C-alpha cells in the first residue's frame, strides 16, 4: 500500500489535523457502527495505489482517501461522498472497488471543520453535534476543490468525472450534480429528497430536479422507512420535467442502507444489482474505466 505524505499538522478548533487523520482515515470503522458485520466486504490493495492525502481548499486543507490502479492511466474520476459516519473503512473500501475496475476514486472528509464523527458512539450525537452544522455551500466548495486536486494529478482524468454517495452523501450527489454541470454523471444511494429548508440547507434534491443537466441515477429501497415512496415518486415526476435523463430505481424489499455490507441493513442481491447499475450508468454517460465492460458481474 502506498500512502501520500501528509503535511505538518496544525490545530483547527477542537480537532488537530493529526488527530483527525488518525481517527478518521488511519482507523477502521466509525465507533457508531460497531459491532461490524462478520460478512463485511474487504477489498485488497493488490494492483492499487491508495492512501491518505490532503486536499487544498479555500480556507484549509481537508483529509481524503484515494485509490487508483497501479499502472496505466490517466483514469476517469469518481468522487465518493460519505455517509454521516465520515470516511471510515466502508467508504475506503468503495474507493478500492472502484479502483479495481479502473477508476481514480477520491473520498474527501467533508465534516472536518465541524468535528470528528469517527469517535462519537451515537448516531444522534453525530447528527446534532456535527452533521446538522455542515453548510451545503461548504460541501459544494470542498467537492469543487477535490475535483480541482484531481485535475492536477497526473493519473486522474477529471474531464471524465462522476460522483456517487450514500445516505447523507446521496442527497449531496443530487445537489452537486446541479452545482457542477461539467460532471458526466452521478449515482445517488438512498439520499433524502425533500425536507425543511434553512440557512445551511436552502435547497433539497427535489428543488433542483427539474433544472438538472447532469444525468443522475437514484438507487432507493422500497422498505426505507426514512424516505417514503411517495417522495420518491414526486422526485420522479419532477425529473420528467427536465432533460437530464435522470432515473430512479427502487429495490422493493430493500431497507435504507442496503448497500452497507458492514451493517444488518445489507441486502446482497439488491446491493450487487445496484452496483452493476452504477458501473453501467457511468459507462453509458462517459465515465468509462478500463475493465468495466468485463467486470459488470457481481462482486
C-alpha atoms as a PDB file:
ATOM      1  CA  UNK A   1       0.000   0.000   0.000  1.00  0.00           C
ATOM      2  CA  UNK A   2       1.324   3.418  -0.949  1.00  0.00           C
ATOM      3  CA  UNK A   3       0.434   6.427   1.140  1.00  0.00           C
ATOM      4  CA  UNK A   4       0.824  10.056   0.181  1.00  0.00           C
ATOM      5  CA  UNK A   5       2.864  12.027   2.675  1.00  0.00           C
ATOM      6  CA  UNK A   6       0.763  14.292   4.875  1.00  0.00           C
ATOM      7  CA  UNK A   7       1.714  17.867   5.694  1.00  0.00           C
ATOM      8  CA  UNK A   8       2.620  19.057   9.163  1.00  0.00           C
ATOM      9  CA  UNK A   9      -0.471  19.161  11.417  1.00  0.00           C
ATOM     10  CA  UNK A  10      -1.926  22.301  12.835  1.00  0.00           C
ATOM     11  CA  UNK A  11      -4.675  22.754  15.372  1.00  0.00           C
ATOM     12  CA  UNK A  12      -8.097  23.749  13.980  1.00  0.00           C
ATOM     13  CA  UNK A  13     -10.574  24.382  16.825  1.00  0.00           C
ATOM     14  CA  UNK A  14     -11.131  21.286  18.927  1.00  0.00           C
ATOM     15  CA  UNK A  15      -9.505  18.925  16.428  1.00  0.00           C
ATOM     16  CA  UNK A  16      -5.991  18.950  15.042  1.00  0.00           C
ATOM     17  CA  UNK A  17      -5.377  17.589  11.550  1.00  0.00           C
ATOM     18  CA  UNK A  18      -3.115  14.944  13.106  1.00  0.00           C
ATOM     19  CA  UNK A  19      -5.953  13.745  15.357  1.00  0.00           C
ATOM     20  CA  UNK A  20      -8.470  13.830  12.559  1.00  0.00           C
ATOM     21  CA  UNK A  21      -6.318  11.979  10.041  1.00  0.00           C
ATOM     22  CA  UNK A  22      -5.550   9.350  12.662  1.00  0.00           C
ATOM     23  CA  UNK A  23      -9.118   8.992  13.880  1.00  0.00           C
ATOM     24  CA  UNK A  24     -10.938   9.026  10.562  1.00  0.00           C
ATOM     25  CA  UNK A  25      -8.570   7.810   7.892  1.00  0.00           C
ATOM     26  CA  UNK A  26      -5.999   5.626   9.628  1.00  0.00           C
ATOM     27  CA  UNK A  27      -8.535   3.774  11.719  1.00  0.00           C
ATOM     28  CA  UNK A  28     -11.230   1.287  10.800  1.00  0.00           C
ATOM     29  CA  UNK A  29     -14.967   1.730  11.140  1.00  0.00           C
ATOM     30  CA  UNK A  30     -16.623   4.606  12.942  1.00  0.00           C
ATOM     31  CA  UNK A  31     -17.427   3.934  16.588  1.00  0.00           C
ATOM     32  CA  UNK A  32     -21.164   4.436  15.994  1.00  0.00           C
ATOM     33  CA  UNK A  33     -21.375   1.476  13.593  1.00  0.00           C
ATOM     34  CA  UNK A  34     -19.919  -1.113  15.957  1.00  0.00           C
ATOM     35  CA  UNK A  35     -20.235  -4.052  16.007  1.00  0.00           C
ATOM     36  CA  UNK A  36     -19.347  -4.561  12.363  1.00  0.00           C
ATOM     37  CA  UNK A  37     -20.906  -7.482  10.475  1.00  0.00           C
ATOM     38  CA  UNK A  38     -18.739 -10.567  10.056  1.00  0.00           C
ATOM     39  CA  UNK A  39     -19.717 -10.602   6.374  1.00  0.00           C
ATOM     40  CA  UNK A  40     -18.229  -7.191   5.645  1.00  0.00           C
ATOM     41  CA  UNK A  41     -16.634  -6.979   2.196  1.00  0.00           C
ATOM     42  CA  UNK A  42     -12.892  -6.321   2.295  1.00  0.00           C
ATOM     43  CA  UNK A  43     -11.226  -5.298  -0.961  1.00  0.00           C
ATOM     44  CA  UNK A  44      -7.467  -5.773  -1.074  1.00  0.00           C
ATOM     45  CA  UNK A  45      -4.988  -3.244  -2.407  1.00  0.00           C
ATOM     46  CA  UNK A  46      -3.202  -5.577  -4.828  1.00  0.00           C
ATOM     47  CA  UNK A  47      -2.540  -3.682  -8.034  1.00  0.00           C
ATOM     48  CA  UNK A  48      -3.600  -0.376  -6.500  1.00  0.00           C
ATOM     49  CA  UNK A  49      -2.065   2.805  -5.206  1.00  0.00           C
ATOM     50  CA  UNK A  50      -4.101   4.087  -2.282  1.00  0.00           C
ATOM     51  CA  UNK A  51      -3.806   6.116   0.871  1.00  0.00           C
ATOM     52  CA  UNK A  52      -4.307   9.390   2.648  1.00  0.00           C
ATOM     53  CA  UNK A  53      -3.943  12.806   1.076  1.00  0.00           C
ATOM     54  CA  UNK A  54      -4.746  16.386   1.960  1.00  0.00           C
ATOM     55  CA  UNK A  55      -6.822  18.408  -0.478  1.00  0.00           C
ATOM     56  CA  UNK A  56      -6.264  22.178  -0.590  1.00  0.00           C
ATOM     57  CA  UNK A  57      -9.436  24.242  -0.217  1.00  0.00           C
ATOM     58  CA  UNK A  58     -10.112  27.948   0.148  1.00  0.00           C
ATOM     59  CA  UNK A  59      -9.552  28.086   3.907  1.00  0.00           C
ATOM     60  CA  UNK A  60      -7.607  24.942   4.897  1.00  0.00           C
ATOM     61  CA  UNK A  61      -6.540  21.502   3.708  1.00  0.00           C
ATOM     62  CA  UNK A  62      -9.029  18.686   4.276  1.00  0.00           C
ATOM     63  CA  UNK A  63      -8.189  14.977   4.561  1.00  0.00           C
ATOM     64  CA  UNK A  64      -9.238  12.463   1.942  1.00  0.00           C
ATOM     65  CA  UNK A  65      -8.689   8.863   0.909  1.00  0.00           C
ATOM     66  CA  UNK A  66      -7.888   7.961  -2.692  1.00  0.00           C
ATOM     67  CA  UNK A  67      -7.267   4.808  -4.703  1.00  0.00           C
ATOM     68  CA  UNK A  68      -6.408   4.103  -8.331  1.00  0.00           C
ATOM     69  CA  UNK A  69      -4.754   1.366 -10.439  1.00  0.00           C
ATOM     70  CA  UNK A  70      -1.030   0.979 -10.045  1.00  0.00           C
ATOM     71  CA  UNK A  71      -0.328   1.046 -13.773  1.00  0.00           C
ATOM     72  CA  UNK A  72      -1.839   2.920 -16.682  1.00  0.00           C
ATOM     73  CA  UNK A  73      -3.981   5.984 -16.710  1.00  0.00           C
ATOM     74  CA  UNK A  74      -4.955   8.707 -16.548  1.00  0.00           C
ATOM     75  CA  UNK A  75      -8.155   7.232 -15.133  1.00  0.00           C
ATOM     76  CA  UNK A  76     -11.650   8.725 -15.044  1.00  0.00           C
ATOM     77  CA  UNK A  77     -12.527  10.174 -11.660  1.00  0.00           C
ATOM     78  CA  UNK A  78     -15.281   9.141  -9.276  1.00  0.00           C
ATOM     79  CA  UNK A  79     -15.761  11.293  -6.190  1.00  0.00           C
ATOM     80  CA  UNK A  80     -17.214   9.231  -3.328  1.00  0.00           C
ATOM     81  CA  UNK A  81     -19.339  11.128  -0.806  1.00  0.00           C
ATOM     82  CA  UNK A  82     -19.530   9.510   2.607  1.00  0.00           C
ATOM     83  CA  UNK A  83     -22.439   8.812   4.934  1.00  0.00           C
ATOM     84  CA  UNK A  84     -22.885  10.542   8.289  1.00  0.00           C
ATOM     85  CA  UNK A  85     -20.075   8.312   9.622  1.00  0.00           C
ATOM     86  CA  UNK A  86     -17.373  10.065   7.594  1.00  0.00           C
ATOM     87  CA  UNK A  87     -14.585   8.447   5.615  1.00  0.00           C
ATOM     88  CA  UNK A  88     -14.473   5.198   7.554  1.00  0.00           C
ATOM     89  CA  UNK A  89     -13.474   1.777   6.301  1.00  0.00           C
ATOM     90  CA  UNK A  90     -16.602   1.095   4.235  1.00  0.00           C
ATOM     91  CA  UNK A  91     -16.133   4.275   2.197  1.00  0.00           C
ATOM     92  CA  UNK A  92     -12.449   3.484   1.698  1.00  0.00           C
ATOM     93  CA  UNK A  93     -13.428   0.029   0.509  1.00  0.00           C
ATOM     94  CA  UNK A  94     -15.860   1.519  -2.015  1.00  0.00           C
ATOM     95  CA  UNK A  95     -12.940   3.586  -3.347  1.00  0.00           C
ATOM     96  CA  UNK A  96     -10.852   0.422  -3.722  1.00  0.00           C
ATOM     97  CA  UNK A  97     -13.704  -1.376  -5.515  1.00  0.00           C
ATOM     98  CA  UNK A  98     -13.891   1.468  -7.993  1.00  0.00           C
ATOM     99  CA  UNK A  99     -10.116   1.483  -8.413  1.00  0.00           C
ATOM    100  CA  UNK A 100     -10.156  -2.242  -9.132  1.00  0.00           C
ATOM    101  CA  UNK A 101     -12.235  -1.618 -12.250  1.00  0.00           C
ATOM    102  CA  UNK A 102     -10.111   1.274 -13.440  1.00  0.00           C
ATOM    103  CA  UNK A 103     -11.296   4.436 -11.712  1.00  0.00           C
ATOM    104  CA  UNK A 104      -9.430   7.126  -9.809  1.00  0.00           C
ATOM    105  CA  UNK A 105     -11.600   7.317  -6.689  1.00  0.00           C
ATOM    106  CA  UNK A 106     -11.330  10.010  -4.053  1.00  0.00           C
ATOM    107  CA  UNK A 107     -13.374  10.427  -0.860  1.00  0.00           C
ATOM    108  CA  UNK A 108     -12.920  13.809   0.871  1.00  0.00           C
ATOM    109  CA  UNK A 109     -13.750  14.146   4.572  1.00  0.00           C
ATOM    110  CA  UNK A 110     -16.490  16.772   4.465  1.00  0.00           C
ATOM    111  CA  UNK A 111     -17.102  17.177   8.214  1.00  0.00           C
ATOM    112  CA  UNK A 112     -13.576  18.091   9.261  1.00  0.00           C
ATOM    113  CA  UNK A 113     -14.369  21.692  10.230  1.00  0.00           C
ATOM    114  CA  UNK A 114     -17.325  20.693  12.416  1.00  0.00           C
ATOM    115  CA  UNK A 115     -15.817  17.719  14.259  1.00  0.00           C
ATOM    116  CA  UNK A 116     -14.672  14.113  14.266  1.00  0.00           C
ATOM    117  CA  UNK A 117     -17.638  11.774  13.858  1.00  0.00           C
ATOM    118  CA  UNK A 118     -15.441   8.679  13.985  1.00  0.00           C
ATOM    119  CA  UNK A 119     -15.266   8.758  17.792  1.00  0.00           C
ATOM    120  CA  UNK A 120     -18.904   9.572  18.534  1.00  0.00           C
ATOM    121  CA  UNK A 121     -20.752   6.436  19.698  1.00  0.00           C
ATOM    122  CA  UNK A 122     -24.311   7.551  18.998  1.00  0.00           C
ATOM    123  CA  UNK A 123     -25.995   8.478  15.705  1.00  0.00           C
ATOM    124  CA  UNK A 124     -27.982  11.296  17.313  1.00  0.00           C
ATOM    125  CA  UNK A 125     -24.770  12.802  18.678  1.00  0.00           C
ATOM    126  CA  UNK A 126     -23.309  12.668  15.172  1.00  0.00           C
ATOM    127  CA  UNK A 127     -26.328  14.351  13.613  1.00  0.00           C
ATOM    128  CA  UNK A 128     -26.856  17.038  16.257  1.00  0.00           C
ATOM    129  CA  UNK A 129     -23.217  17.666  17.125  1.00  0.00           C
ATOM    130  CA  UNK A 130     -21.669  17.609  13.659  1.00  0.00           C
ATOM    131  CA  UNK A 131     -23.780  16.862  10.584  1.00  0.00           C
ATOM    132  CA  UNK A 132     -26.509  19.422  11.295  1.00  0.00           C
ATOM    133  CA  UNK A 133     -23.836  22.137  11.401  1.00  0.00           C
ATOM    134  CA  UNK A 134     -22.366  21.424   7.935  1.00  0.00           C
ATOM    135  CA  UNK A 135     -23.459  24.001   5.317  1.00  0.00           C
ATOM    136  CA  UNK A 136     -24.313  22.730   1.842  1.00  0.00           C
ATOM    137  CA  UNK A 137     -22.300  25.615   0.373  1.00  0.00           C
ATOM    138  CA  UNK A 138     -19.199  24.398   2.215  1.00  0.00           C
ATOM    139  CA  UNK A 139     -19.712  20.887   0.852  1.00  0.00           C
ATOM    140  CA  UNK A 140     -20.116  22.146  -2.728  1.00  0.00           C
ATOM    141  CA  UNK A 141     -16.918  24.158  -2.401  1.00  0.00           C
ATOM    142  CA  UNK A 142     -14.974  21.209  -0.962  1.00  0.00           C
ATOM    143  CA  UNK A 143     -16.155  18.932  -3.764  1.00  0.00           C
ATOM    144  CA  UNK A 144     -15.042  21.561  -6.275  1.00  0.00           C
ATOM    145  CA  UNK A 145     -11.660  21.525  -4.550  1.00  0.00           C
ATOM    146  CA  UNK A 146     -11.485  17.733  -4.714  1.00  0.00           C
ATOM    147  CA  UNK A 147     -12.013  17.789  -8.465  1.00  0.00           C
ATOM    148  CA  UNK A 148      -9.518  20.622  -8.777  1.00  0.00           C
ATOM    149  CA  UNK A 149      -6.954  18.491  -6.982  1.00  0.00           C
ATOM    150  CA  UNK A 150      -7.709  15.621  -9.360  1.00  0.00           C
ATOM    151  CA  UNK A 151      -7.114  17.931 -12.322  1.00  0.00           C
ATOM    152  CA  UNK A 152      -3.558  18.478 -11.108  1.00  0.00           C
ATOM    153  CA  UNK A 153      -2.895  14.762 -10.505  1.00  0.00           C
ATOM    154  CA  UNK A 154      -1.159  13.096 -13.421  1.00  0.00           C
ATOM    155  CA  UNK A 155      -3.041   9.818 -13.023  1.00  0.00           C
ATOM    156  CA  UNK A 156      -6.556  11.302 -12.937  1.00  0.00           C
ATOM    157  CA  UNK A 157      -8.700  12.415 -15.864  1.00  0.00           C
ATOM    158  CA  UNK A 158     -11.018  14.950 -14.261  1.00  0.00           C
ATOM    159  CA  UNK A 159     -12.586  15.732 -17.643  1.00  0.00           C
ATOM    160  CA  UNK A 160     -14.381  12.383 -17.254  1.00  0.00           C
ATOM    161  CA  UNK A 161     -15.710  12.712 -13.727  1.00  0.00           C
ATOM    162  CA  UNK A 162     -18.645  11.211 -11.906  1.00  0.00           C
ATOM    163  CA  UNK A 163     -19.875  11.284  -8.335  1.00  0.00           C
ATOM    164  CA  UNK A 164     -21.540   8.769  -6.056  1.00  0.00           C
ATOM    165  CA  UNK A 165     -22.638   8.987  -2.444  1.00  0.00           C
ATOM    166  CA  UNK A 166     -24.526   7.154   0.268  1.00  0.00           C
ATOM    167  CA  UNK A 167     -27.333   8.314   2.594  1.00  0.00           C
ATOM    168  CA  UNK A 168     -26.213  11.856   3.589  1.00  0.00           C
ATOM    169  CA  UNK A 169     -23.879  11.636   0.598  1.00  0.00           C
ATOM    170  CA  UNK A 170     -26.718  10.514  -1.650  1.00  0.00           C
ATOM    171  CA  UNK A 171     -28.512  13.797  -1.058  1.00  0.00           C
ATOM    172  CA  UNK A 172     -25.274  15.635  -1.793  1.00  0.00           C
ATOM    173  CA  UNK A 173     -24.918  13.839  -5.152  1.00  0.00           C
ATOM    174  CA  UNK A 174     -28.159  15.374  -6.430  1.00  0.00           C
ATOM    175  CA  UNK A 175     -27.156  18.836  -5.202  1.00  0.00           C
ATOM    176  CA  UNK A 176     -23.640  18.667  -6.603  1.00  0.00           C
ATOM    177  CA  UNK A 177     -24.916  17.490  -9.974  1.00  0.00           C
ATOM    178  CA  UNK A 178     -26.968  20.700 -10.077  1.00  0.00           C
ATOM    179  CA  UNK A 179     -23.999  22.749  -8.842  1.00  0.00           C
ATOM    180  CA  UNK A 180     -21.437  21.418 -11.320  1.00  0.00           C
ATOM    181  CA  UNK A 181     -22.770  20.862 -14.860  1.00  0.00           C
ATOM    182  CA  UNK A 182     -19.319  19.705 -16.007  1.00  0.00           C
ATOM    183  CA  UNK A 183     -19.856  16.360 -14.313  1.00  0.00           C
ATOM    184  CA  UNK A 184     -20.604  13.480 -16.649  1.00  0.00           C
ATOM    185  CA  UNK A 185     -22.907  11.540 -14.296  1.00  0.00           C
ATOM    186  CA  UNK A 186     -23.936  10.863 -10.716  1.00  0.00           C
ATOM    187  CA  UNK A 187     -25.251   7.909  -8.723  1.00  0.00           C
ATOM    188  CA  UNK A 188     -27.148   8.688  -5.514  1.00  0.00           C
ATOM    189  CA  UNK A 189     -27.721   5.901  -2.995  1.00  0.00           C
ATOM    190  CA  UNK A 190     -30.830   6.404  -0.825  1.00  0.00           C
ATOM    191  CA  UNK A 191     -30.254  10.110  -0.244  1.00  0.00           C
ATOM    192  CA  UNK A 192     -33.063  12.166   1.243  1.00  0.00           C
ATOM    193  CA  UNK A 193     -35.010  14.007  -1.459  1.00  0.00           C
ATOM    194  CA  UNK A 194     -37.022  16.622   0.414  1.00  0.00           C
ATOM    195  CA  UNK A 195     -37.188  18.329   3.781  1.00  0.00           C
ATOM    196  CA  UNK A 196     -37.349  21.659   5.591  1.00  0.00           C
ATOM    197  CA  UNK A 197     -35.036  24.368   4.299  1.00  0.00           C
ATOM    198  CA  UNK A 198     -32.829  26.611   6.399  1.00  0.00           C
ATOM    199  CA  UNK A 199     -29.776  28.819   6.070  1.00  0.00           C
ATOM    200  CA  UNK A 200     -27.375  25.849   5.915  1.00  0.00           C
ATOM    201  CA  UNK A 201     -29.579  23.719   3.652  1.00  0.00           C
ATOM    202  CA  UNK A 202     -31.538  26.117   1.451  1.00  0.00           C
ATOM    203  CA  UNK A 203     -32.420  23.553  -1.233  1.00  0.00           C
ATOM    204  CA  UNK A 204     -33.059  19.841  -1.484  1.00  0.00           C
ATOM    205  CA  UNK A 205     -32.848  17.417  -4.416  1.00  0.00           C
ATOM    206  CA  UNK A 206     -36.500  17.845  -5.365  1.00  0.00           C
ATOM    207  CA  UNK A 207     -35.900  21.599  -5.634  1.00  0.00           C
ATOM    208  CA  UNK A 208     -33.196  21.159  -8.293  1.00  0.00           C
ATOM    209  CA  UNK A 209     -34.540  18.096 -10.120  1.00  0.00           C
ATOM    210  CA  UNK A 210     -36.211  19.992 -12.955  1.00  0.00           C
ATOM    211  CA  UNK A 211     -33.094  22.015 -13.811  1.00  0.00           C
ATOM    212  CA  UNK A 212     -30.528  19.211 -13.723  1.00  0.00           C
ATOM    213  CA  UNK A 213     -28.371  18.815 -16.813  1.00  0.00           C
ATOM    214  CA  UNK A 214     -26.205  16.027 -15.358  1.00  0.00           C
ATOM    215  CA  UNK A 215     -27.810  12.543 -15.506  1.00  0.00           C
ATOM    216  CA  UNK A 216     -28.214  11.097 -12.013  1.00  0.00           C
ATOM    217  CA  UNK A 217     -29.220   7.540 -11.179  1.00  0.00           C
ATOM    218  CA  UNK A 218     -31.037   7.258  -7.857  1.00  0.00           C
ATOM    219  CA  UNK A 219     -30.904   3.915  -6.038  1.00  0.00           C
ATOM    220  CA  UNK A 220     -33.534   3.575  -3.313  1.00  0.00           C
ATOM    221  CA  UNK A 221     -35.040   0.924  -1.066  1.00  0.00           C
ATOM    222  CA  UNK A 222     -38.731   0.191  -1.194  1.00  0.00           C
ATOM    223  CA  UNK A 223     -38.685  -0.648   2.529  1.00  0.00           C
ATOM    224  CA  UNK A 224     -36.783   2.504   3.539  1.00  0.00           C
ATOM    225  CA  UNK A 225     -38.819   3.932   6.416  1.00  0.00           C
ATOM    226  CA  UNK A 226     -36.917   7.225   6.319  1.00  0.00           C
ATOM    227  CA  UNK A 227     -37.549   8.016   2.648  1.00  0.00           C
ATOM    228  CA  UNK A 228     -41.229   7.404   1.836  1.00  0.00           C
ATOM    229  CA  UNK A 229     -42.054   6.031  -1.592  1.00  0.00           C
ATOM    230  CA  UNK A 230     -44.380   8.952  -2.237  1.00  0.00           C
ATOM    231  CA  UNK A 231     -41.375  11.307  -2.020  1.00  0.00           C
ATOM    232  CA  UNK A 232     -39.523   9.083  -4.483  1.00  0.00           C
ATOM    233  CA  UNK A 233     -42.472   9.252  -6.892  1.00  0.00           C
ATOM    234  CA  UNK A 234     -42.664  13.038  -6.523  1.00  0.00           C
ATOM    235  CA  UNK A 235     -38.965  13.217  -7.391  1.00  0.00           C
ATOM    236  CA  UNK A 236     -39.547  11.065 -10.469  1.00  0.00           C
ATOM    237  CA  UNK A 237     -42.379  13.344 -11.571  1.00  0.00           C
ATOM    238  CA  UNK A 238     -40.214  16.453 -11.258  1.00  0.00           C
ATOM    239  CA  UNK A 239     -37.301  14.795 -13.050  1.00  0.00           C
ATOM    240  CA  UNK A 240     -39.572  14.172 -16.043  1.00  0.00           C
ATOM    241  CA  UNK A 241     -39.990  17.934 -16.406  1.00  0.00           C
ATOM    242  CA  UNK A 242     -36.257  18.319 -17.013  1.00  0.00           C
ATOM    243  CA  UNK A 243     -33.988  16.994 -19.719  1.00  0.00           C
ATOM    244  CA  UNK A 244     -31.179  15.382 -17.752  1.00  0.00           C
ATOM    245  CA  UNK A 245     -32.229  11.793 -18.404  1.00  0.00           C
ATOM    246  CA  UNK A 246     -32.034  11.057 -14.678  1.00  0.00           C
ATOM    247  CA  UNK A 247     -33.712   7.920 -13.343  1.00  0.00           C
ATOM    248  CA  UNK A 248     -34.616   6.328 -10.024  1.00  0.00           C
ATOM    249  CA  UNK A 249     -34.581   2.584  -9.383  1.00  0.00           C
ATOM    250  CA  UNK A 250     -36.359   1.180  -6.333  1.00  0.00           C
ATOM    251  CA  UNK A 251     -35.459  -2.202  -4.825  1.00  0.00           C
ATOM    252  CA  UNK A 252     -38.771  -3.329  -3.399  1.00  0.00           C
ATOM    253  CA  UNK A 253     -37.807  -5.208  -0.228  1.00  0.00           C
ATOM    254  CA  UNK A 254     -34.594  -3.319   0.494  1.00  0.00           C
ATOM    255  CA  UNK A 255     -34.314  -1.099   3.579  1.00  0.00           C
ATOM    256  CA  UNK A 256     -32.286   2.058   3.965  1.00  0.00           C
ATOM    257  CA  UNK A 257     -28.506   1.458   3.647  1.00  0.00           C
ATOM    258  CA  UNK A 258     -28.993  -1.793   1.731  1.00  0.00           C
ATOM    259  CA  UNK A 259     -25.517  -1.410   0.215  1.00  0.00           C
ATOM    260  CA  UNK A 260     -23.797  -1.068   3.615  1.00  0.00           C
ATOM    261  CA  UNK A 261     -22.306  -4.564   3.917  1.00  0.00           C
ATOM    262  CA  UNK A 262     -20.918  -3.803   7.381  1.00  0.00           C
ATOM    263  CA  UNK A 263     -24.442  -3.335   8.792  1.00  0.00           C
ATOM    264  CA  UNK A 264     -27.505  -5.507   9.378  1.00  0.00           C
ATOM    265  CA  UNK A 265     -29.346  -3.495   6.708  1.00  0.00           C
ATOM    266  CA  UNK A 266     -27.220  -5.045   3.942  1.00  0.00           C
ATOM    267  CA  UNK A 267     -29.106  -6.895   1.211  1.00  0.00           C
ATOM    268  CA  UNK A 268     -26.651  -8.725  -1.006  1.00  0.00           C
ATOM    269  CA  UNK A 269     -28.836  -9.263  -4.065  1.00  0.00           C
ATOM    270  CA  UNK A 270     -30.041  -5.666  -4.193  1.00  0.00           C
ATOM    271  CA  UNK A 271     -26.529  -4.335  -3.485  1.00  0.00           C
ATOM    272  CA  UNK A 272     -24.943  -6.395  -6.246  1.00  0.00           C
ATOM    273  CA  UNK A 273     -27.583  -5.439  -8.783  1.00  0.00           C
ATOM    274  CA  UNK A 274     -27.328  -1.768  -7.849  1.00  0.00           C
ATOM    275  CA  UNK A 275     -23.523  -1.853  -8.119  1.00  0.00           C
ATOM    276  CA  UNK A 276     -23.838  -3.218 -11.652  1.00  0.00           C
ATOM    277  CA  UNK A 277     -26.275  -0.415 -12.424  1.00  0.00           C
ATOM    278  CA  UNK A 278     -23.734   2.121 -11.137  1.00  0.00           C
ATOM    279  CA  UNK A 279     -20.978   0.777 -13.375  1.00  0.00           C
ATOM    280  CA  UNK A 280     -23.257   0.634 -16.392  1.00  0.00           C
ATOM    281  CA  UNK A 281     -24.577   4.163 -15.710  1.00  0.00           C
ATOM    282  CA  UNK A 282     -21.094   5.630 -15.556  1.00  0.00           C
ATOM    283  CA  UNK A 283     -20.081   3.777 -18.731  1.00  0.00           C
ATOM    284  CA  UNK A 284     -23.178   4.923 -20.611  1.00  0.00           C
ATOM    285  CA  UNK A 285     -22.622   8.553 -19.672  1.00  0.00           C
ATOM    286  CA  UNK A 286     -18.928   8.853 -20.447  1.00  0.00           C
ATOM    287  CA  UNK A 287     -17.286   7.963 -17.139  1.00  0.00           C
ATOM    288  CA  UNK A 288     -15.878   4.763 -18.580  1.00  0.00           C
ATOM    289  CA  UNK A 289     -12.956   2.982 -16.976  1.00  0.00           C
ATOM    290  CA  UNK A 290     -10.743   0.236 -18.385  1.00  0.00           C
ATOM    291  CA  UNK A 291     -12.114  -3.155 -17.432  1.00  0.00           C
ATOM    292  CA  UNK A 292     -15.656  -2.069 -16.603  1.00  0.00           C
ATOM    293  CA  UNK A 293     -17.194  -3.934 -19.528  1.00  0.00           C
ATOM    294  CA  UNK A 294     -15.681  -7.233 -18.414  1.00  0.00           C
ATOM    295  CA  UNK A 295     -16.382  -6.690 -14.720  1.00  0.00           C
ATOM    296  CA  UNK A 296     -20.061  -5.932 -14.555  1.00  0.00           C
ATOM    297  CA  UNK A 297     -20.660  -9.184 -12.724  1.00  0.00           C
ATOM    298  CA  UNK A 298     -21.491  -9.150  -9.022  1.00  0.00           C
ATOM    299  CA  UNK A 299     -18.664  -8.645  -6.580  1.00  0.00           C
END
